[in-house]
N, C-alpha and C. Protein backbone atom coordinates (compact mmCIF):
# COMPACT_ATOMS: atom_id res chain seq x y z
N UNK A 1 0.83 -1.17 -0.01
CA UNK A 1 0.01 -0.02 0.00
C UNK A 1 0.90 1.23 0.00
N UNK A 2 0.48 2.23 -0.75
CA UNK A 2 1.28 3.46 -0.84
C UNK A 2 1.18 4.26 0.44
N UNK A 3 2.17 5.12 0.67
CA UNK A 3 2.14 5.95 1.84
C UNK A 3 1.09 7.03 1.64
N UNK A 4 0.37 7.28 2.69
CA UNK A 4 -0.68 8.29 2.67
C UNK A 4 -0.29 9.48 3.54
N UNK A 5 -0.94 10.62 3.32
CA UNK A 5 -0.73 11.77 4.14
C UNK A 5 -2.04 12.33 4.70
N UNK A 6 -1.96 12.71 5.95
CA UNK A 6 -3.09 13.40 6.61
C UNK A 6 -2.60 14.75 7.00
N UNK A 7 -3.20 15.79 6.52
CA UNK A 7 -2.81 17.15 6.86
C UNK A 7 -3.92 17.79 7.68
N UNK A 8 -3.62 18.07 8.92
CA UNK A 8 -4.54 18.70 9.82
C UNK A 8 -4.25 20.19 9.83
N UNK A 9 -5.23 21.02 9.50
CA UNK A 9 -5.00 22.46 9.37
C UNK A 9 -6.00 23.19 10.29
N UNK A 10 -5.42 24.02 11.17
CA UNK A 10 -6.30 24.90 11.97
C UNK A 10 -6.62 26.10 11.12
N UNK A 11 -7.86 26.57 11.16
CA UNK A 11 -8.28 27.73 10.35
C UNK A 11 -7.36 28.94 10.62
N UNK A 12 -7.41 29.85 9.66
CA UNK A 12 -6.58 31.07 9.75
C UNK A 12 -7.25 32.00 10.77
N UNK A 13 -6.56 33.13 11.04
CA UNK A 13 -6.97 34.10 12.04
C UNK A 13 -8.35 34.66 11.72
N UNK A 14 -9.24 34.55 12.69
CA UNK A 14 -10.62 35.00 12.50
C UNK A 14 -10.94 36.23 13.33
N UNK A 15 -11.88 37.01 12.84
CA UNK A 15 -12.38 38.17 13.57
C UNK A 15 -13.44 37.79 14.53
N UNK A 16 -13.75 38.67 15.48
CA UNK A 16 -14.85 38.43 16.48
C UNK A 16 -15.79 39.60 16.48
N UNK A 17 -16.47 39.87 15.34
CA UNK A 17 -17.35 41.02 15.36
C UNK A 17 -18.57 40.87 16.34
N UNK A 18 -18.95 41.97 16.97
CA UNK A 18 -20.08 41.96 17.90
C UNK A 18 -21.34 41.50 17.16
N UNK A 19 -22.15 40.68 17.79
CA UNK A 19 -23.41 40.27 17.26
C UNK A 19 -23.37 39.20 16.20
N UNK A 20 -22.16 38.66 15.94
CA UNK A 20 -22.04 37.66 14.87
C UNK A 20 -21.85 36.28 15.50
N UNK A 21 -22.69 35.35 15.17
CA UNK A 21 -22.62 34.01 15.69
C UNK A 21 -21.25 33.38 15.41
N UNK A 22 -20.79 32.53 16.30
CA UNK A 22 -19.45 31.92 16.15
C UNK A 22 -19.29 31.27 14.80
N UNK A 23 -20.28 30.53 14.30
CA UNK A 23 -20.21 29.84 13.05
C UNK A 23 -20.03 30.78 11.86
N UNK A 24 -20.41 32.03 12.02
CA UNK A 24 -20.39 33.07 10.93
C UNK A 24 -19.19 33.99 11.04
N UNK A 25 -18.26 33.77 11.98
CA UNK A 25 -17.10 34.62 12.12
C UNK A 25 -16.22 34.56 10.88
N UNK A 26 -15.87 35.73 10.28
CA UNK A 26 -15.05 35.77 9.07
C UNK A 26 -13.54 35.81 9.44
N UNK A 27 -12.73 35.58 8.45
CA UNK A 27 -11.29 35.77 8.64
C UNK A 27 -10.94 37.23 8.66
N UNK A 28 -9.88 37.56 9.35
CA UNK A 28 -9.31 38.93 9.29
C UNK A 28 -8.48 39.06 7.99
N UNK A 29 -8.02 40.29 7.70
CA UNK A 29 -7.16 40.47 6.55
C UNK A 29 -5.91 39.60 6.67
N UNK A 30 -5.35 39.54 7.86
CA UNK A 30 -4.17 38.67 8.11
C UNK A 30 -4.50 37.20 7.88
N UNK A 31 -5.72 36.83 8.31
CA UNK A 31 -6.19 35.46 8.13
C UNK A 31 -6.26 35.06 6.62
N UNK A 32 -6.77 35.94 5.82
CA UNK A 32 -6.84 35.69 4.37
C UNK A 32 -5.40 35.52 3.81
N UNK A 33 -4.48 36.40 4.18
CA UNK A 33 -3.12 36.30 3.72
C UNK A 33 -2.47 35.00 4.21
N UNK A 34 -2.72 34.65 5.46
CA UNK A 34 -2.14 33.41 6.01
C UNK A 34 -2.65 32.17 5.31
N UNK A 35 -3.97 32.16 4.98
CA UNK A 35 -4.57 31.02 4.30
C UNK A 35 -3.88 30.84 2.90
N UNK A 36 -3.65 31.94 2.22
CA UNK A 36 -2.88 31.87 0.93
C UNK A 36 -1.51 31.30 1.12
N UNK A 37 -0.86 31.70 2.23
CA UNK A 37 0.50 31.18 2.54
C UNK A 37 0.49 29.71 2.80
N UNK A 38 -0.60 29.18 3.40
CA UNK A 38 -0.75 27.74 3.62
C UNK A 38 -0.75 27.04 2.25
N UNK A 39 -1.55 27.58 1.33
CA UNK A 39 -1.64 27.00 -0.02
C UNK A 39 -0.30 26.98 -0.73
N UNK A 40 0.40 28.12 -0.65
CA UNK A 40 1.72 28.20 -1.27
C UNK A 40 2.72 27.21 -0.65
N UNK A 41 2.66 27.07 0.68
CA UNK A 41 3.53 26.10 1.41
C UNK A 41 3.25 24.69 0.88
N UNK A 42 1.97 24.36 0.78
CA UNK A 42 1.60 23.03 0.31
C UNK A 42 2.05 22.81 -1.12
N UNK A 43 1.86 23.81 -1.97
CA UNK A 43 2.26 23.66 -3.41
C UNK A 43 3.74 23.50 -3.54
N UNK A 44 4.53 24.22 -2.75
CA UNK A 44 5.99 24.09 -2.81
C UNK A 44 6.49 22.73 -2.33
N UNK A 45 5.65 22.04 -1.61
CA UNK A 45 6.01 20.66 -1.16
C UNK A 45 5.32 19.59 -2.02
N UNK A 46 4.73 20.07 -3.14
CA UNK A 46 4.07 19.18 -4.07
C UNK A 46 2.99 18.33 -3.45
N UNK A 47 2.26 18.94 -2.48
CA UNK A 47 1.11 18.26 -1.86
C UNK A 47 -0.07 18.44 -2.76
N UNK A 48 -0.68 17.34 -3.14
CA UNK A 48 -1.84 17.33 -4.01
C UNK A 48 -2.98 16.59 -3.31
N UNK A 49 -3.73 17.33 -2.49
CA UNK A 49 -4.85 16.69 -1.80
C UNK A 49 -5.91 16.22 -2.77
N UNK A 50 -6.42 15.04 -2.49
CA UNK A 50 -7.50 14.50 -3.30
C UNK A 50 -8.86 14.74 -2.60
N UNK A 51 -8.79 14.95 -1.28
CA UNK A 51 -10.01 15.16 -0.49
C UNK A 51 -9.71 16.21 0.56
N UNK A 52 -10.64 17.19 0.71
CA UNK A 52 -10.58 18.18 1.79
C UNK A 52 -11.86 17.98 2.56
N UNK A 53 -11.68 17.75 3.86
CA UNK A 53 -12.79 17.66 4.80
C UNK A 53 -12.72 18.94 5.62
N UNK A 54 -13.81 19.72 5.58
CA UNK A 54 -13.74 21.08 6.15
C UNK A 54 -14.99 21.34 6.99
N UNK A 55 -14.77 22.04 8.12
CA UNK A 55 -15.87 22.54 8.90
C UNK A 55 -16.68 23.48 8.05
N UNK A 56 -18.03 23.54 8.26
CA UNK A 56 -18.84 24.46 7.46
C UNK A 56 -18.85 25.89 7.97
N UNK A 57 -18.08 26.20 9.00
CA UNK A 57 -18.07 27.57 9.51
C UNK A 57 -17.45 28.50 8.44
N UNK A 58 -17.84 29.75 8.52
CA UNK A 58 -17.37 30.75 7.52
C UNK A 58 -15.86 30.84 7.53
N UNK A 59 -15.19 30.88 8.73
CA UNK A 59 -13.75 31.03 8.78
C UNK A 59 -13.02 29.84 8.20
N UNK A 60 -13.53 28.63 8.33
CA UNK A 60 -12.85 27.49 7.73
C UNK A 60 -13.11 27.40 6.23
N UNK A 61 -14.31 27.77 5.79
CA UNK A 61 -14.61 27.83 4.37
C UNK A 61 -13.67 28.86 3.69
N UNK A 62 -13.54 30.01 4.35
CA UNK A 62 -12.67 31.02 3.80
C UNK A 62 -11.20 30.60 3.82
N UNK A 63 -10.82 29.84 4.89
CA UNK A 63 -9.45 29.29 4.92
C UNK A 63 -9.21 28.37 3.76
N UNK A 64 -10.18 27.46 3.50
CA UNK A 64 -9.98 26.56 2.38
C UNK A 64 -9.86 27.31 1.05
N UNK A 65 -10.75 28.35 0.89
CA UNK A 65 -10.70 29.16 -0.34
C UNK A 65 -9.34 29.77 -0.51
N UNK A 66 -8.81 30.34 0.57
CA UNK A 66 -7.47 30.96 0.48
C UNK A 66 -6.38 29.94 0.19
N UNK A 67 -6.46 28.75 0.79
CA UNK A 67 -5.48 27.71 0.52
C UNK A 67 -5.55 27.33 -0.95
N UNK A 68 -6.75 27.13 -1.50
CA UNK A 68 -6.91 26.77 -2.90
C UNK A 68 -6.33 27.84 -3.82
N UNK A 69 -6.55 29.11 -3.49
CA UNK A 69 -6.01 30.20 -4.31
C UNK A 69 -4.48 30.23 -4.19
N UNK A 70 -3.95 30.05 -2.94
CA UNK A 70 -2.50 29.97 -2.80
C UNK A 70 -1.86 28.82 -3.56
N UNK A 71 -2.52 27.68 -3.57
CA UNK A 71 -2.00 26.54 -4.32
C UNK A 71 -2.03 26.85 -5.83
N UNK A 72 -3.12 27.46 -6.30
CA UNK A 72 -3.25 27.80 -7.71
C UNK A 72 -2.18 28.77 -8.15
N UNK A 73 -1.91 29.75 -7.29
CA UNK A 73 -0.91 30.77 -7.63
C UNK A 73 0.52 30.18 -7.66
N UNK A 74 0.76 29.15 -6.87
CA UNK A 74 2.12 28.62 -6.72
C UNK A 74 2.39 27.36 -7.50
N UNK A 75 1.35 26.75 -8.08
CA UNK A 75 1.59 25.47 -8.76
C UNK A 75 1.20 25.63 -10.25
N UNK A 76 1.95 24.97 -11.12
CA UNK A 76 1.63 25.02 -12.52
C UNK A 76 0.36 24.24 -12.82
N UNK A 77 0.15 23.15 -12.11
CA UNK A 77 -1.03 22.31 -12.27
C UNK A 77 -1.70 22.09 -10.92
N UNK A 78 -2.43 23.09 -10.44
CA UNK A 78 -3.00 22.96 -9.10
C UNK A 78 -4.03 21.83 -8.98
N UNK A 79 -4.06 21.20 -7.82
CA UNK A 79 -5.05 20.13 -7.63
C UNK A 79 -6.47 20.67 -7.54
N UNK A 80 -7.42 19.84 -7.80
CA UNK A 80 -8.83 20.17 -7.66
C UNK A 80 -9.54 19.07 -6.84
N UNK A 81 -9.24 19.08 -5.51
CA UNK A 81 -9.82 17.98 -4.73
C UNK A 81 -11.29 18.10 -4.53
N UNK A 82 -11.86 16.95 -4.17
CA UNK A 82 -13.27 16.95 -3.67
C UNK A 82 -13.24 17.68 -2.31
N UNK A 83 -14.29 18.47 -2.05
CA UNK A 83 -14.38 19.18 -0.76
C UNK A 83 -15.65 18.78 -0.09
N UNK A 84 -15.55 18.28 1.15
CA UNK A 84 -16.67 17.80 1.89
C UNK A 84 -16.81 18.62 3.21
N UNK A 85 -17.85 19.43 3.25
CA UNK A 85 -18.09 20.27 4.45
C UNK A 85 -18.91 19.41 5.44
N UNK A 86 -18.38 19.21 6.61
CA UNK A 86 -18.96 18.33 7.61
C UNK A 86 -19.16 19.02 8.94
N UNK A 87 -20.37 18.98 9.48
CA UNK A 87 -20.71 19.59 10.75
C UNK A 87 -19.85 19.01 11.90
N UNK A 88 -19.49 17.76 11.77
CA UNK A 88 -18.65 17.12 12.83
C UNK A 88 -17.34 17.81 13.03
N UNK A 89 -16.84 18.44 11.97
CA UNK A 89 -15.55 19.15 12.12
C UNK A 89 -15.76 20.43 12.89
N UNK A 90 -16.94 21.01 12.82
CA UNK A 90 -17.20 22.24 13.57
C UNK A 90 -17.45 21.95 15.04
N UNK A 91 -18.31 21.02 15.31
CA UNK A 91 -18.73 20.85 16.69
C UNK A 91 -18.31 19.53 17.29
N UNK A 92 -17.45 18.75 16.61
CA UNK A 92 -17.03 17.45 17.13
C UNK A 92 -15.72 17.51 17.91
N UNK A 93 -15.34 16.34 18.41
CA UNK A 93 -14.12 16.20 19.12
C UNK A 93 -13.13 15.36 18.31
N UNK A 94 -12.00 15.01 18.91
CA UNK A 94 -10.97 14.24 18.17
C UNK A 94 -11.55 12.92 17.64
N UNK A 95 -12.43 12.25 18.44
CA UNK A 95 -13.01 11.00 17.96
C UNK A 95 -13.82 11.21 16.66
N UNK A 96 -14.54 12.30 16.58
CA UNK A 96 -15.31 12.58 15.37
C UNK A 96 -14.40 12.82 14.19
N UNK A 97 -13.28 13.56 14.44
CA UNK A 97 -12.38 13.82 13.30
C UNK A 97 -11.67 12.54 12.87
N UNK A 98 -11.28 11.71 13.76
CA UNK A 98 -10.65 10.44 13.42
C UNK A 98 -11.65 9.60 12.66
N UNK A 99 -12.89 9.60 13.09
CA UNK A 99 -13.95 8.80 12.41
C UNK A 99 -14.12 9.25 10.92
N UNK A 100 -14.00 10.57 10.71
CA UNK A 100 -14.07 11.09 9.34
C UNK A 100 -12.90 10.60 8.52
N UNK A 101 -11.71 10.59 9.15
CA UNK A 101 -10.51 10.05 8.42
C UNK A 101 -10.67 8.56 8.14
N UNK A 102 -11.22 7.81 9.09
CA UNK A 102 -11.41 6.38 8.88
C UNK A 102 -12.42 6.08 7.81
N UNK A 103 -13.30 7.01 7.48
CA UNK A 103 -14.33 6.83 6.46
C UNK A 103 -13.88 7.21 5.05
N UNK A 104 -12.63 7.72 4.93
CA UNK A 104 -12.13 8.11 3.63
C UNK A 104 -12.00 6.90 2.72
N UNK A 105 -12.31 7.08 1.48
CA UNK A 105 -12.21 6.00 0.45
C UNK A 105 -10.72 5.65 0.27
N UNK A 106 -10.40 4.38 0.20
CA UNK A 106 -9.00 3.96 0.09
C UNK A 106 -8.35 4.39 -1.26
N UNK A 107 -9.10 4.89 -2.20
CA UNK A 107 -8.52 5.41 -3.42
C UNK A 107 -7.80 6.78 -3.15
N UNK A 108 -8.13 7.41 -2.07
CA UNK A 108 -7.52 8.69 -1.66
C UNK A 108 -6.23 8.43 -0.95
N UNK A 109 -5.16 9.18 -1.31
CA UNK A 109 -3.89 9.07 -0.63
C UNK A 109 -3.56 10.27 0.23
N UNK A 110 -4.11 11.45 -0.10
CA UNK A 110 -3.80 12.64 0.67
C UNK A 110 -5.11 13.34 1.00
N UNK A 111 -5.34 13.51 2.32
CA UNK A 111 -6.54 14.14 2.83
C UNK A 111 -6.11 15.34 3.69
N UNK A 112 -6.83 16.47 3.50
CA UNK A 112 -6.63 17.66 4.30
C UNK A 112 -7.93 17.86 5.12
N UNK A 113 -7.74 18.05 6.40
CA UNK A 113 -8.90 18.31 7.30
C UNK A 113 -8.70 19.71 7.91
N UNK A 114 -9.63 20.59 7.65
CA UNK A 114 -9.54 21.95 8.12
C UNK A 114 -10.56 22.21 9.22
N UNK A 115 -10.08 22.54 10.43
CA UNK A 115 -10.99 22.66 11.52
C UNK A 115 -10.56 23.65 12.61
N UNK A 116 -10.95 23.35 13.82
CA UNK A 116 -10.80 24.27 14.95
C UNK A 116 -10.09 23.59 16.10
N UNK A 117 -9.51 24.41 16.95
CA UNK A 117 -8.99 23.88 18.21
C UNK A 117 -10.10 23.91 19.24
N UNK A 118 -10.06 22.97 20.19
CA UNK A 118 -9.00 22.07 20.49
C UNK A 118 -9.03 20.77 19.69
N UNK A 119 -10.06 20.50 18.92
CA UNK A 119 -10.24 19.17 18.32
C UNK A 119 -9.20 18.89 17.24
N UNK A 120 -8.76 19.88 16.48
CA UNK A 120 -7.77 19.62 15.43
C UNK A 120 -6.43 19.23 16.02
N UNK A 121 -6.01 19.97 17.09
CA UNK A 121 -4.78 19.63 17.77
C UNK A 121 -4.85 18.29 18.52
N UNK A 122 -6.02 18.02 19.07
CA UNK A 122 -6.24 16.78 19.78
C UNK A 122 -6.21 15.56 18.83
N UNK A 123 -6.74 15.75 17.58
CA UNK A 123 -6.69 14.69 16.62
C UNK A 123 -5.23 14.42 16.20
N UNK A 124 -4.44 15.44 16.07
CA UNK A 124 -3.04 15.27 15.75
C UNK A 124 -2.29 14.50 16.87
N UNK A 125 -2.60 14.84 18.16
CA UNK A 125 -2.04 14.15 19.27
C UNK A 125 -2.48 12.69 19.33
N UNK A 126 -3.69 12.43 18.92
CA UNK A 126 -4.23 11.07 18.88
C UNK A 126 -3.47 10.25 17.88
N UNK A 127 -3.21 10.83 16.73
CA UNK A 127 -2.52 10.12 15.67
C UNK A 127 -1.05 9.84 16.00
N UNK A 128 -0.44 10.72 16.76
CA UNK A 128 0.95 10.57 17.17
C UNK A 128 1.09 11.11 18.60
N UNK A 129 0.75 10.27 19.59
CA UNK A 129 0.73 10.79 21.00
C UNK A 129 2.07 11.32 21.48
N UNK A 130 3.15 10.87 20.93
CA UNK A 130 4.47 11.30 21.37
C UNK A 130 4.89 12.70 20.91
N UNK A 131 4.15 13.27 19.98
CA UNK A 131 4.50 14.59 19.45
C UNK A 131 3.38 15.58 19.51
N UNK A 132 2.64 15.58 20.56
CA UNK A 132 1.48 16.51 20.70
C UNK A 132 1.97 17.95 20.79
N UNK A 133 1.27 18.83 20.05
CA UNK A 133 1.52 20.24 20.15
C UNK A 133 0.25 20.96 19.71
N UNK A 134 -0.03 22.10 20.32
CA UNK A 134 -1.19 22.85 19.91
C UNK A 134 -0.89 23.66 18.69
N UNK A 135 -1.74 23.51 17.67
CA UNK A 135 -1.58 24.30 16.46
C UNK A 135 -2.07 25.72 16.66
N UNK A 136 -1.32 26.63 16.13
CA UNK A 136 -1.76 28.03 16.10
C UNK A 136 -2.62 28.23 14.92
N UNK A 137 -3.26 29.39 14.78
CA UNK A 137 -4.04 29.67 13.57
C UNK A 137 -3.16 29.53 12.36
N UNK A 138 -3.65 28.93 11.28
CA UNK A 138 -2.93 28.61 10.06
C UNK A 138 -1.82 27.59 10.31
N UNK A 139 -1.95 26.85 11.40
CA UNK A 139 -0.99 25.78 11.68
C UNK A 139 -1.34 24.50 10.92
N UNK A 140 -0.29 23.80 10.56
CA UNK A 140 -0.48 22.54 9.75
C UNK A 140 0.31 21.46 10.46
N UNK A 141 -0.32 20.32 10.65
CA UNK A 141 0.33 19.10 11.15
C UNK A 141 0.26 18.07 10.01
N UNK A 142 1.42 17.61 9.58
CA UNK A 142 1.49 16.65 8.51
C UNK A 142 1.81 15.30 9.09
N UNK A 143 0.90 14.35 8.87
CA UNK A 143 1.10 12.97 9.40
C UNK A 143 1.22 12.02 8.20
N UNK A 144 2.05 11.02 8.36
CA UNK A 144 2.19 9.94 7.36
C UNK A 144 1.45 8.72 7.85
N UNK A 145 0.85 7.98 6.97
CA UNK A 145 0.06 6.80 7.34
C UNK A 145 0.19 5.74 6.25
N UNK A 146 0.34 4.49 6.61
CA UNK A 146 0.33 3.37 5.65
C UNK A 146 -0.67 2.41 6.15
N UNK A 147 -1.64 2.15 5.29
CA UNK A 147 -2.71 1.15 5.65
C UNK A 147 -4.04 1.67 5.14
N UNK A 148 -5.03 0.81 5.28
CA UNK A 148 -6.40 1.22 4.92
C UNK A 148 -6.91 2.27 5.89
N UNK A 149 -7.61 3.23 5.37
CA UNK A 149 -8.10 4.33 6.17
C UNK A 149 -8.91 3.85 7.39
N UNK A 150 -9.73 2.81 7.22
CA UNK A 150 -10.60 2.39 8.29
C UNK A 150 -9.79 1.83 9.47
N UNK A 151 -8.48 1.60 9.32
CA UNK A 151 -7.66 1.09 10.39
C UNK A 151 -6.81 2.17 11.03
N UNK A 152 -6.97 3.42 10.58
CA UNK A 152 -6.18 4.50 11.12
C UNK A 152 -6.61 4.74 12.59
N UNK A 153 -5.71 4.64 13.52
CA UNK A 153 -6.06 4.77 14.94
C UNK A 153 -4.98 5.43 15.74
N UNK A 154 -5.14 5.35 17.05
CA UNK A 154 -4.18 5.98 17.97
C UNK A 154 -2.76 5.54 17.68
N UNK A 155 -1.85 6.48 17.51
CA UNK A 155 -0.46 6.23 17.32
C UNK A 155 -0.11 5.62 15.96
N UNK A 156 -1.03 5.59 15.02
CA UNK A 156 -0.78 4.92 13.74
C UNK A 156 -0.24 5.85 12.65
N UNK A 157 -0.18 7.12 12.88
CA UNK A 157 0.17 8.11 11.85
C UNK A 157 1.20 9.07 12.42
N UNK A 158 2.51 8.78 12.27
CA UNK A 158 3.56 9.65 12.79
C UNK A 158 3.46 11.09 12.27
N UNK A 159 3.68 12.07 13.18
CA UNK A 159 3.78 13.46 12.82
C UNK A 159 5.15 13.68 12.19
N UNK A 160 5.21 14.15 10.95
CA UNK A 160 6.49 14.30 10.31
C UNK A 160 6.89 15.75 10.12
N UNK A 161 5.94 16.66 10.26
CA UNK A 161 6.27 18.06 10.04
C UNK A 161 5.09 18.92 10.60
N UNK A 162 5.43 20.05 11.12
CA UNK A 162 4.45 21.09 11.43
C UNK A 162 4.94 22.40 10.86
N UNK A 163 3.97 23.29 10.60
CA UNK A 163 4.33 24.58 10.05
C UNK A 163 3.20 25.53 10.43
N UNK A 164 3.55 26.78 10.72
CA UNK A 164 2.56 27.85 10.89
C UNK A 164 2.79 28.83 9.76
N UNK A 165 1.80 28.90 8.87
CA UNK A 165 1.95 29.78 7.68
C UNK A 165 1.55 31.23 8.03
N UNK A 166 2.39 32.10 7.55
CA UNK A 166 2.11 33.53 7.68
C UNK A 166 2.29 34.23 6.37
N UNK A 167 1.30 34.98 5.96
CA UNK A 167 1.33 35.63 4.66
C UNK A 167 1.99 36.98 4.66
């Protein structure tokens, strides 16, 4: 079986406008720039996600849009992954995020999950308990995994790299 990658991304810097529900919080100007920097960072590492699992919140959707634009600007042949907006990423915990990873089709080799703390950092710690660290906004945790997705579990996906993108 080929080596797989799981990229856990915490959304970019979000604003907190008065009277706006949490799910509707937008990115700040810095957040938009940082999201583009995530995309450029991924493109320069030749990361070609086939699936993006994203929280449906405004800030995560905007983060994905910025990442996609950053990848398109930095890559000659940018990827066009399937994007799946899932409520579990917004209001779930690490178990919910891992369950989403376990449900990925085995034809997919690279999955990007864009979400929120604490669950996104907790999922990273679950996949590699020895290397737990809290992701900052626009933080990326890159895990390697070999095996069928439905067998991905605690300690099965070593953390090989982290990065905090700033635009």
